[in-house]
Amino acid sequence: LATSELAAPFKKIIAALPPHKMSKVV
């Protein structure tokens, strides 16, 4: 949770994941 909130340069990568895959990848 902390990394996903703190790592501004990575947020675009996280946001690019199709929503239906998010739960499995996390």
mmCIF file of all heavy atoms, coordinates in Angstrom:
data_MODEL
# 
_entry.id   MODEL 
# 
loop_
_atom_site.group_PDB 
_atom_site.id 
_atom_site.type_symbol 
_atom_site.label_atom_id 
_atom_site.label_alt_id 
_atom_site.label_comp_id 
_atom_site.label_asym_id 
_atom_site.label_entity_id 
_atom_site.label_seq_id 
_atom_site.pdbx_PDB_ins_code 
_atom_site.Cartn_x 
_atom_site.Cartn_y 
_atom_site.Cartn_z 
_atom_site.occupancy 
_atom_site.B_iso_or_equiv 
_atom_site.pdbx_formal_charge 
_atom_site.auth_seq_id 
_atom_site.auth_comp_id 
_atom_site.auth_asym_id 
_atom_site.auth_atom_id 
_atom_site.pdbx_PDB_model_num 
ATOM 1   N N   . LEU A 1 1  ? 0.836   -1.203  0.000   1.00 0.00 ? 1  LEU A N   1 
ATOM 2   C CA  . LEU A 1 1  ? 0.000   0.000   0.000   1.00 0.00 ? 1  LEU A CA  1 
ATOM 3   C C   . LEU A 1 1  ? 0.870   1.252   0.000   1.00 0.00 ? 1  LEU A C   1 
ATOM 4   O O   . LEU A 1 1  ? 0.633   2.190   -0.773  1.00 0.00 ? 1  LEU A O   1 
ATOM 5   C CB  . LEU A 1 1  ? -0.923  0.007   1.226   1.00 0.00 ? 1  LEU A CB  1 
ATOM 6   C CG  . LEU A 1 1  ? -1.778  1.264   1.420   1.00 0.00 ? 1  LEU A CG  1 
ATOM 7   C CD1 . LEU A 1 1  ? -2.718  1.455   0.248   1.00 0.00 ? 1  LEU A CD1 1 
ATOM 8   C CD2 . LEU A 1 1  ? -2.542  1.191   2.734   1.00 0.00 ? 1  LEU A CD2 1 
ATOM 9   N N   . ALA A 1 2  ? 1.894   1.272   0.861   1.00 0.00 ? 2  ALA A N   1 
ATOM 10  C CA  . ALA A 1 2  ? 2.768   2.438   0.943   1.00 0.00 ? 2  ALA A CA  1 
ATOM 11  C C   . ALA A 1 2  ? 3.492   2.671   -0.372  1.00 0.00 ? 2  ALA A C   1 
ATOM 12  O O   . ALA A 1 2  ? 3.552   3.802   -0.871  1.00 0.00 ? 2  ALA A O   1 
ATOM 13  C CB  . ALA A 1 2  ? 3.769   2.259   2.080   1.00 0.00 ? 2  ALA A CB  1 
ATOM 14  N N   . THR A 1 3  ? 4.038   1.613   -0.945  1.00 0.00 ? 3  THR A N   1 
ATOM 15  C CA  . THR A 1 3  ? 4.765   1.761   -2.208  1.00 0.00 ? 3  THR A CA  1 
ATOM 16  C C   . THR A 1 3  ? 3.846   2.256   -3.315  1.00 0.00 ? 3  THR A C   1 
ATOM 17  O O   . THR A 1 3  ? 4.218   3.137   -4.108  1.00 0.00 ? 3  THR A O   1 
ATOM 18  C CB  . THR A 1 3  ? 5.413   0.427   -2.615  1.00 0.00 ? 3  THR A CB  1 
ATOM 19  O OG1 . THR A 1 3  ? 6.329   0.023   -1.599  1.00 0.00 ? 3  THR A OG1 1 
ATOM 20  C CG2 . THR A 1 3  ? 6.165   0.569   -3.932  1.00 0.00 ? 3  THR A CG2 1 
ATOM 21  N N   . SER A 1 4  ? 2.638   1.727   -3.378  1.00 0.00 ? 4  SER A N   1 
ATOM 22  C CA  . SER A 1 4  ? 1.706   2.136   -4.429  1.00 0.00 ? 4  SER A CA  1 
ATOM 23  C C   . SER A 1 4  ? 1.308   3.600   -4.279  1.00 0.00 ? 4  SER A C   1 
ATOM 24  O O   . SER A 1 4  ? 1.000   4.269   -5.277  1.00 0.00 ? 4  SER A O   1 
ATOM 25  C CB  . SER A 1 4  ? 0.466   1.243   -4.408  1.00 0.00 ? 4  SER A CB  1 
ATOM 26  O OG  . SER A 1 4  ? -0.306  1.456   -3.226  1.00 0.00 ? 4  SER A OG  1 
ATOM 27  N N   . GLU A 1 5  ? 1.326   4.110   -3.059  1.00 0.00 ? 5  GLU A N   1 
ATOM 28  C CA  . GLU A 1 5  ? 0.980   5.514   -2.829  1.00 0.00 ? 5  GLU A CA  1 
ATOM 29  C C   . GLU A 1 5  ? 2.174   6.451   -2.992  1.00 0.00 ? 5  GLU A C   1 
ATOM 30  O O   . GLU A 1 5  ? 2.022   7.596   -3.424  1.00 0.00 ? 5  GLU A O   1 
ATOM 31  C CB  . GLU A 1 5  ? 0.400   5.682   -1.420  1.00 0.00 ? 5  GLU A CB  1 
ATOM 32  C CG  . GLU A 1 5  ? -0.956  5.027   -1.251  1.00 0.00 ? 5  GLU A CG  1 
ATOM 33  C CD  . GLU A 1 5  ? -1.573  5.280   0.117   1.00 0.00 ? 5  GLU A CD  1 
ATOM 34  O OE1 . GLU A 1 5  ? -0.865  5.777   1.024   1.00 0.00 ? 5  GLU A OE1 1 
ATOM 35  O OE2 . GLU A 1 5  ? -2.774  4.982   0.277   1.00 0.00 ? 5  GLU A OE2 1 
ATOM 36  N N   . LEU A 1 6  ? 3.373   5.963   -2.658  1.00 0.00 ? 6  LEU A N   1 
ATOM 37  C CA  . LEU A 1 6  ? 4.552   6.824   -2.623  1.00 0.00 ? 6  LEU A CA  1 
ATOM 38  C C   . LEU A 1 6  ? 5.261   6.943   -3.962  1.00 0.00 ? 6  LEU A C   1 
ATOM 39  O O   . LEU A 1 6  ? 5.833   7.992   -4.276  1.00 0.00 ? 6  LEU A O   1 
ATOM 40  C CB  . LEU A 1 6  ? 5.551   6.295   -1.586  1.00 0.00 ? 6  LEU A CB  1 
ATOM 41  C CG  . LEU A 1 6  ? 5.116   6.360   -0.124  1.00 0.00 ? 6  LEU A CG  1 
ATOM 42  C CD1 . LEU A 1 6  ? 6.074   5.563   0.747   1.00 0.00 ? 6  LEU A CD1 1 
ATOM 43  C CD2 . LEU A 1 6  ? 5.055   7.809   0.346   1.00 0.00 ? 6  LEU A CD2 1 
ATOM 44  N N   . ALA A 1 7  ? 5.281   5.869   -4.733  1.00 0.00 ? 7  ALA A N   1 
ATOM 45  C CA  . ALA A 1 7  ? 6.136   5.807   -5.920  1.00 0.00 ? 7  ALA A CA  1 
ATOM 46  C C   . ALA A 1 7  ? 5.470   6.496   -7.106  1.00 0.00 ? 7  ALA A C   1 
ATOM 47  O O   . ALA A 1 7  ? 4.914   5.847   -7.999  1.00 0.00 ? 7  ALA A O   1 
ATOM 48  C CB  . ALA A 1 7  ? 6.473   4.358   -6.254  1.00 0.00 ? 7  ALA A CB  1 
ATOM 49  N N   . ALA A 1 8  ? 5.561   7.808   -7.137  1.00 0.00 ? 8  ALA A N   1 
ATOM 50  C CA  . ALA A 1 8  ? 4.901   8.577   -8.197  1.00 0.00 ? 8  ALA A CA  1 
ATOM 51  C C   . ALA A 1 8  ? 5.279   8.114   -9.608  1.00 0.00 ? 8  ALA A C   1 
ATOM 52  O O   . ALA A 1 8  ? 4.405   7.985   -10.467 1.00 0.00 ? 8  ALA A O   1 
ATOM 53  C CB  . ALA A 1 8  ? 5.204   10.063  -8.017  1.00 0.00 ? 8  ALA A CB  1 
ATOM 54  N N   . PRO A 1 9  ? 6.559   7.832   -9.917  1.00 0.00 ? 9  PRO A N   1 
ATOM 55  C CA  . PRO A 1 9  ? 6.894   7.418   -11.289 1.00 0.00 ? 9  PRO A CA  1 
ATOM 56  C C   . PRO A 1 9  ? 6.268   6.081   -11.694 1.00 0.00 ? 9  PRO A C   1 
ATOM 57  O O   . PRO A 1 9  ? 6.131   5.795   -12.871 1.00 0.00 ? 9  PRO A O   1 
ATOM 58  C CB  . PRO A 1 9  ? 8.423   7.303   -11.250 1.00 0.00 ? 9  PRO A CB  1 
ATOM 59  C CG  . PRO A 1 9  ? 8.855   8.153   -10.111 1.00 0.00 ? 9  PRO A CG  1 
ATOM 60  C CD  . PRO A 1 9  ? 7.758   8.015   -9.092  1.00 0.00 ? 9  PRO A CD  1 
ATOM 61  N N   . PHE A 1 10 ? 5.903   5.248   -10.707 1.00 0.00 ? 10 PHE A N   1 
ATOM 62  C CA  . PHE A 1 10 ? 5.360   3.928   -11.016 1.00 0.00 ? 10 PHE A CA  1 
ATOM 63  C C   . PHE A 1 10 ? 3.839   3.925   -11.135 1.00 0.00 ? 10 PHE A C   1 
ATOM 64  O O   . PHE A 1 10 ? 3.244   2.929   -11.559 1.00 0.00 ? 10 PHE A O   1 
ATOM 65  C CB  . PHE A 1 10 ? 5.766   2.923   -9.943  1.00 0.00 ? 10 PHE A CB  1 
ATOM 66  C CG  . PHE A 1 10 ? 7.260   2.778   -9.790  1.00 0.00 ? 10 PHE A CG  1 
ATOM 67  C CD1 . PHE A 1 10 ? 7.812   2.442   -8.567  1.00 0.00 ? 10 PHE A CD1 1 
ATOM 68  C CD2 . PHE A 1 10 ? 8.114   2.982   -10.867 1.00 0.00 ? 10 PHE A CD2 1 
ATOM 69  C CE1 . PHE A 1 10 ? 9.183   2.315   -8.416  1.00 0.00 ? 10 PHE A CE1 1 
ATOM 70  C CE2 . PHE A 1 10 ? 9.486   2.862   -10.736 1.00 0.00 ? 10 PHE A CE2 1 
ATOM 71  C CZ  . PHE A 1 10 ? 10.030  2.522   -9.512  1.00 0.00 ? 10 PHE A CZ  1 
ATOM 72  N N   . LYS A 1 11 ? 3.208   5.024   -10.748 1.00 0.00 ? 11 LYS A N   1 
ATOM 73  C CA  . LYS A 1 11 ? 1.750   5.029   -10.736 1.00 0.00 ? 11 LYS A CA  1 
ATOM 74  C C   . LYS A 1 11 ? 1.149   4.865   -12.127 1.00 0.00 ? 11 LYS A C   1 
ATOM 75  O O   . LYS A 1 11 ? 0.079   4.284   -12.287 1.00 0.00 ? 11 LYS A O   1 
ATOM 76  C CB  . LYS A 1 11 ? 1.236   6.300   -10.069 1.00 0.00 ? 11 LYS A CB  1 
ATOM 77  C CG  . LYS A 1 11 ? 1.449   6.296   -8.553  1.00 0.00 ? 11 LYS A CG  1 
ATOM 78  C CD  . LYS A 1 11 ? 0.802   7.487   -7.882  1.00 0.00 ? 11 LYS A CD  1 
ATOM 79  C CE  . LYS A 1 11 ? 0.963   7.405   -6.368  1.00 0.00 ? 11 LYS A CE  1 
ATOM 80  N NZ  . LYS A 1 11 ? 0.318   8.526   -5.667  1.00 0.00 ? 11 LYS A NZ  1 
ATOM 81  N N   . LYS A 1 12 ? 1.883   5.358   -13.147 1.00 0.00 ? 12 LYS A N   1 
ATOM 82  C CA  . LYS A 1 12 ? 1.384   5.208   -14.512 1.00 0.00 ? 12 LYS A CA  1 
ATOM 83  C C   . LYS A 1 12 ? 1.371   3.744   -14.927 1.00 0.00 ? 12 LYS A C   1 
ATOM 84  O O   . LYS A 1 12 ? 0.486   3.299   -15.653 1.00 0.00 ? 12 LYS A O   1 
ATOM 85  C CB  . LYS A 1 12 ? 2.232   6.033   -15.474 1.00 0.00 ? 12 LYS A CB  1 
ATOM 86  C CG  . LYS A 1 12 ? 2.072   7.539   -15.294 1.00 0.00 ? 12 LYS A CG  1 
ATOM 87  C CD  . LYS A 1 12 ? 2.972   8.305   -16.255 1.00 0.00 ? 12 LYS A CD  1 
ATOM 88  C CE  . LYS A 1 12 ? 2.843   9.806   -16.035 1.00 0.00 ? 12 LYS A CE  1 
ATOM 89  N NZ  . LYS A 1 12 ? 3.770   10.563  -16.927 1.00 0.00 ? 12 LYS A NZ  1 
ATOM 90  N N   . ILE A 1 13 ? 2.372   2.993   -14.473 1.00 0.00 ? 13 ILE A N   1 
ATOM 91  C CA  . ILE A 1 13 ? 2.426   1.559   -14.781 1.00 0.00 ? 13 ILE A CA  1 
ATOM 92  C C   . ILE A 1 13 ? 1.267   0.839   -14.102 1.00 0.00 ? 13 ILE A C   1 
ATOM 93  O O   . ILE A 1 13 ? 0.576   0.018   -14.711 1.00 0.00 ? 13 ILE A O   1 
ATOM 94  C CB  . ILE A 1 13 ? 3.773   0.967   -14.328 1.00 0.00 ? 13 ILE A CB  1 
ATOM 95  C CG1 . ILE A 1 13 ? 4.918   1.621   -15.111 1.00 0.00 ? 13 ILE A CG1 1 
ATOM 96  C CG2 . ILE A 1 13 ? 3.787   -0.544  -14.504 1.00 0.00 ? 13 ILE A CG2 1 
ATOM 97  C CD1 . ILE A 1 13 ? 6.293   1.215   -14.621 1.00 0.00 ? 13 ILE A CD1 1 
ATOM 98  N N   . ILE A 1 14 ? 1.060   1.172   -12.835 1.00 0.00 ? 14 ILE A N   1 
ATOM 99  C CA  . ILE A 1 14 ? -0.028  0.542   -12.090 1.00 0.00 ? 14 ILE A CA  1 
ATOM 100 C C   . ILE A 1 14 ? -1.386  0.884   -12.722 1.00 0.00 ? 14 ILE A C   1 
ATOM 101 O O   . ILE A 1 14 ? -2.249  0.017   -12.900 1.00 0.00 ? 14 ILE A O   1 
ATOM 102 C CB  . ILE A 1 14 ? 0.011   0.983   -10.618 1.00 0.00 ? 14 ILE A CB  1 
ATOM 103 C CG1 . ILE A 1 14 ? 1.315   0.490   -9.955  1.00 0.00 ? 14 ILE A CG1 1 
ATOM 104 C CG2 . ILE A 1 14 ? -1.204  0.482   -9.854  1.00 0.00 ? 14 ILE A CG2 1 
ATOM 105 C CD1 . ILE A 1 14 ? 1.570   1.065   -8.577  1.00 0.00 ? 14 ILE A CD1 1 
ATOM 106 N N   . ALA A 1 15 ? -1.538  2.158   -13.099 1.00 0.00 ? 15 ALA A N   1 
ATOM 107 C CA  . ALA A 1 15 ? -2.807  2.599   -13.679 1.00 0.00 ? 15 ALA A CA  1 
ATOM 108 C C   . ALA A 1 15 ? -3.063  1.998   -15.052 1.00 0.00 ? 15 ALA A C   1 
ATOM 109 O O   . ALA A 1 15 ? -4.220  1.902   -15.490 1.00 0.00 ? 15 ALA A O   1 
ATOM 110 C CB  . ALA A 1 15 ? -2.828  4.120   -13.769 1.00 0.00 ? 15 ALA A CB  1 
ATOM 111 N N   . ALA A 1 16 ? -1.992  1.570   -15.746 1.00 0.00 ? 16 ALA A N   1 
ATOM 112 C CA  . ALA A 1 16 ? -2.143  1.025   -17.096 1.00 0.00 ? 16 ALA A CA  1 
ATOM 113 C C   . ALA A 1 16 ? -2.640  -0.418  -17.095 1.00 0.00 ? 16 ALA A C   1 
ATOM 114 O O   . ALA A 1 16 ? -3.024  -0.945  -18.141 1.00 0.00 ? 16 ALA A O   1 
ATOM 115 C CB  . ALA A 1 16 ? -0.818  1.112   -17.848 1.00 0.00 ? 16 ALA A CB  1 
ATOM 116 N N   . LEU A 1 17 ? -2.630  -1.058  -15.937 1.00 0.00 ? 17 LEU A N   1 
ATOM 117 C CA  . LEU A 1 17 ? -3.099  -2.442  -15.864 1.00 0.00 ? 17 LEU A CA  1 
ATOM 118 C C   . LEU A 1 17 ? -4.620  -2.494  -16.038 1.00 0.00 ? 17 LEU A C   1 
ATOM 119 O O   . LEU A 1 17 ? -5.344  -1.738  -15.397 1.00 0.00 ? 17 LEU A O   1 
ATOM 120 C CB  . LEU A 1 17 ? -2.714  -3.043  -14.508 1.00 0.00 ? 17 LEU A CB  1 
ATOM 121 C CG  . LEU A 1 17 ? -3.020  -4.530  -14.331 1.00 0.00 ? 17 LEU A CG  1 
ATOM 122 C CD1 . LEU A 1 17 ? -2.019  -5.362  -15.137 1.00 0.00 ? 17 LEU A CD1 1 
ATOM 123 C CD2 . LEU A 1 17 ? -2.965  -4.918  -12.854 1.00 0.00 ? 17 LEU A CD2 1 
ATOM 124 N N   . PRO A 1 18 ? -5.122  -3.392  -16.895 1.00 0.00 ? 18 PRO A N   1 
ATOM 125 C CA  . PRO A 1 18 ? -6.583  -3.520  -17.028 1.00 0.00 ? 18 PRO A CA  1 
ATOM 126 C C   . PRO A 1 18 ? -7.232  -3.813  -15.677 1.00 0.00 ? 18 PRO A C   1 
ATOM 127 O O   . PRO A 1 18 ? -6.727  -4.647  -14.915 1.00 0.00 ? 18 PRO A O   1 
ATOM 128 C CB  . PRO A 1 18 ? -6.728  -4.713  -17.979 1.00 0.00 ? 18 PRO A CB  1 
ATOM 129 C CG  . PRO A 1 18 ? -5.455  -4.718  -18.767 1.00 0.00 ? 18 PRO A CG  1 
ATOM 130 C CD  . PRO A 1 18 ? -4.399  -4.260  -17.818 1.00 0.00 ? 18 PRO A CD  1 
ATOM 131 N N   . PRO A 1 19 ? -8.309  -3.124  -15.352 1.00 0.00 ? 19 PRO A N   1 
ATOM 132 C CA  . PRO A 1 19 ? -8.929  -3.270  -14.033 1.00 0.00 ? 19 PRO A CA  1 
ATOM 133 C C   . PRO A 1 19 ? -9.257  -4.705  -13.644 1.00 0.00 ? 19 PRO A C   1 
ATOM 134 O O   . PRO A 1 19 ? -9.123  -5.080  -12.473 1.00 0.00 ? 19 PRO A O   1 
ATOM 135 C CB  . PRO A 1 19 ? -10.196 -2.422  -14.150 1.00 0.00 ? 19 PRO A CB  1 
ATOM 136 C CG  . PRO A 1 19 ? -9.870  -1.398  -15.193 1.00 0.00 ? 19 PRO A CG  1 
ATOM 137 C CD  . PRO A 1 19 ? -8.984  -2.102  -16.166 1.00 0.00 ? 19 PRO A CD  1 
ATOM 138 N N   . HIS A 1 20 ? -9.650  -5.524  -14.610 1.00 0.00 ? 20 HIS A N   1 
ATOM 139 C CA  . HIS A 1 20 ? -10.050 -6.895  -14.265 1.00 0.00 ? 20 HIS A CA  1 
ATOM 140 C C   . HIS A 1 20 ? -8.855  -7.760  -13.851 1.00 0.00 ? 20 HIS A C   1 
ATOM 141 O O   . HIS A 1 20 ? -9.033  -8.847  -13.297 1.00 0.00 ? 20 HIS A O   1 
ATOM 142 C CB  . HIS A 1 20 ? -10.799 -7.542  -15.433 1.00 0.00 ? 20 HIS A CB  1 
ATOM 143 C CG  . HIS A 1 20 ? -9.948  -7.849  -16.629 1.00 0.00 ? 20 HIS A CG  1 
ATOM 144 N ND1 . HIS A 1 20 ? -9.631  -6.892  -17.584 1.00 0.00 ? 20 HIS A ND1 1 
ATOM 145 C CD2 . HIS A 1 20 ? -9.330  -8.995  -17.015 1.00 0.00 ? 20 HIS A CD2 1 
ATOM 146 C CE1 . HIS A 1 20 ? -8.866  -7.446  -18.514 1.00 0.00 ? 20 HIS A CE1 1 
ATOM 147 N NE2 . HIS A 1 20 ? -8.669  -8.718  -18.194 1.00 0.00 ? 20 HIS A NE2 1 
ATOM 148 N N   . LYS A 1 21 ? -7.636  -7.273  -14.085 1.00 0.00 ? 21 LYS A N   1 
ATOM 149 C CA  . LYS A 1 21 ? -6.442  -8.029  -13.699 1.00 0.00 ? 21 LYS A CA  1 
ATOM 150 C C   . LYS A 1 21 ? -5.836  -7.534  -12.382 1.00 0.00 ? 21 LYS A C   1 
ATOM 151 O O   . LYS A 1 21 ? -4.916  -8.151  -11.847 1.00 0.00 ? 21 LYS A O   1 
ATOM 152 C CB  . LYS A 1 21 ? -5.382  -7.936  -14.795 1.00 0.00 ? 21 LYS A CB  1 
ATOM 153 C CG  . LYS A 1 21 ? -5.775  -8.600  -16.096 1.00 0.00 ? 21 LYS A CG  1 
ATOM 154 C CD  . LYS A 1 21 ? -4.643  -8.549  -17.112 1.00 0.00 ? 21 LYS A CD  1 
ATOM 155 C CE  . LYS A 1 21 ? -5.030  -9.262  -18.402 1.00 0.00 ? 21 LYS A CE  1 
ATOM 156 N NZ  . LYS A 1 21 ? -3.931  -9.238  -19.402 1.00 0.00 ? 21 LYS A NZ  1 
ATOM 157 N N   . MET A 1 22 ? -6.349  -6.406  -11.888 1.00 0.00 ? 22 MET A N   1 
ATOM 158 C CA  . MET A 1 22 ? -5.708  -5.746  -10.750 1.00 0.00 ? 22 MET A CA  1 
ATOM 159 C C   . MET A 1 22 ? -5.629  -6.642  -9.523  1.00 0.00 ? 22 MET A C   1 
ATOM 160 O O   . MET A 1 22 ? -4.574  -6.781  -8.892  1.00 0.00 ? 22 MET A O   1 
ATOM 161 C CB  . MET A 1 22 ? -6.452  -4.451  -10.409 1.00 0.00 ? 22 MET A CB  1 
ATOM 162 C CG  . MET A 1 22 ? -5.776  -3.621  -9.316  1.00 0.00 ? 22 MET A CG  1 
ATOM 163 S SD  . MET A 1 22 ? -4.156  -2.976  -9.822  1.00 0.00 ? 22 MET A SD  1 
ATOM 164 C CE  . MET A 1 22 ? -4.670  -1.755  -11.052 1.00 0.00 ? 22 MET A CE  1 
ATOM 165 N N   . SER A 1 23 ? -6.719  -7.266  -9.129  1.00 0.00 ? 23 SER A N   1 
ATOM 166 C CA  . SER A 1 23 ? -6.750  -8.058  -7.908  1.00 0.00 ? 23 SER A CA  1 
ATOM 167 C C   . SER A 1 23 ? -5.735  -9.199  -7.957  1.00 0.00 ? 23 SER A C   1 
ATOM 168 O O   . SER A 1 23 ? -4.977  -9.423  -7.006  1.00 0.00 ? 23 SER A O   1 
ATOM 169 C CB  . SER A 1 23 ? -8.161  -8.613  -7.679  1.00 0.00 ? 23 SER A CB  1 
ATOM 170 O OG  . SER A 1 23 ? -8.190  -9.419  -6.521  1.00 0.00 ? 23 SER A OG  1 
ATOM 171 N N   . LYS A 1 24 ? -5.685  -9.895  -9.086  1.00 0.00 ? 24 LYS A N   1 
ATOM 172 C CA  . LYS A 1 24 ? -4.767  -11.021 -9.226  1.00 0.00 ? 24 LYS A CA  1 
ATOM 173 C C   . LYS A 1 24 ? -3.317  -10.556 -9.156  1.00 0.00 ? 24 LYS A C   1 
ATOM 174 O O   . LYS A 1 24 ? -2.477  -11.180 -8.488  1.00 0.00 ? 24 LYS A O   1 
ATOM 175 C CB  . LYS A 1 24 ? -5.029  -11.744 -10.543 1.00 0.00 ? 24 LYS A CB  1 
ATOM 176 C CG  . LYS A 1 24 ? -4.114  -12.935 -10.768 1.00 0.00 ? 24 LYS A CG  1 
ATOM 177 C CD  . LYS A 1 24 ? -4.415  -13.627 -12.094 1.00 0.00 ? 24 LYS A CD  1 
ATOM 178 C CE  . LYS A 1 24 ? -3.466  -14.802 -12.326 1.00 0.00 ? 24 LYS A CE  1 
ATOM 179 N NZ  . LYS A 1 24 ? -3.748  -15.479 -13.631 1.00 0.00 ? 24 LYS A NZ  1 
ATOM 180 N N   . VAL A 1 25 ? -3.002  -9.448  -9.830  1.00 0.00 ? 25 VAL A N   1 
ATOM 181 C CA  . VAL A 1 25 ? -1.620  -8.952  -9.862  1.00 0.00 ? 25 VAL A CA  1 
ATOM 182 C C   . VAL A 1 25 ? -1.197  -8.437  -8.489  1.00 0.00 ? 25 VAL A C   1 
ATOM 183 O O   . VAL A 1 25 ? -0.083  -8.719  -8.026  1.00 0.00 ? 25 VAL A O   1 
ATOM 184 C CB  . VAL A 1 25 ? -1.463  -7.857  -10.939 1.00 0.00 ? 25 VAL A CB  1 
ATOM 185 C CG1 . VAL A 1 25 ? -0.100  -7.184  -10.826 1.00 0.00 ? 25 VAL A CG1 1 
ATOM 186 C CG2 . VAL A 1 25 ? -1.631  -8.459  -12.325 1.00 0.00 ? 25 VAL A CG2 1 
ATOM 187 N N   . VAL A 1 26 ? -2.072  -7.713  -7.818  1.00 0.00 ? 26 VAL A N   1 
ATOM 188 C CA  . VAL A 1 26 ? -1.738  -7.215  -6.480  1.00 0.00 ? 26 VAL A CA  1 
ATOM 189 C C   . VAL A 1 26 ? -1.518  -8.384  -5.523  1.00 0.00 ? 26 VAL A C   1 
ATOM 190 O O   . VAL A 1 26 ? -0.589  -8.351  -4.691  1.00 0.00 ? 26 VAL A O   1 
ATOM 191 C CB  . VAL A 1 26 ? -2.834  -6.261  -5.957  1.00 0.00 ? 26 VAL A CB  1 
ATOM 192 C CG1 . VAL A 1 26 ? -2.625  -5.967  -4.475  1.00 0.00 ? 26 VAL A CG1 1 
ATOM 193 C CG2 . VAL A 1 26 ? -2.825  -4.968  -6.758  1.00 0.00 ? 26 VAL A CG2 1 
# 
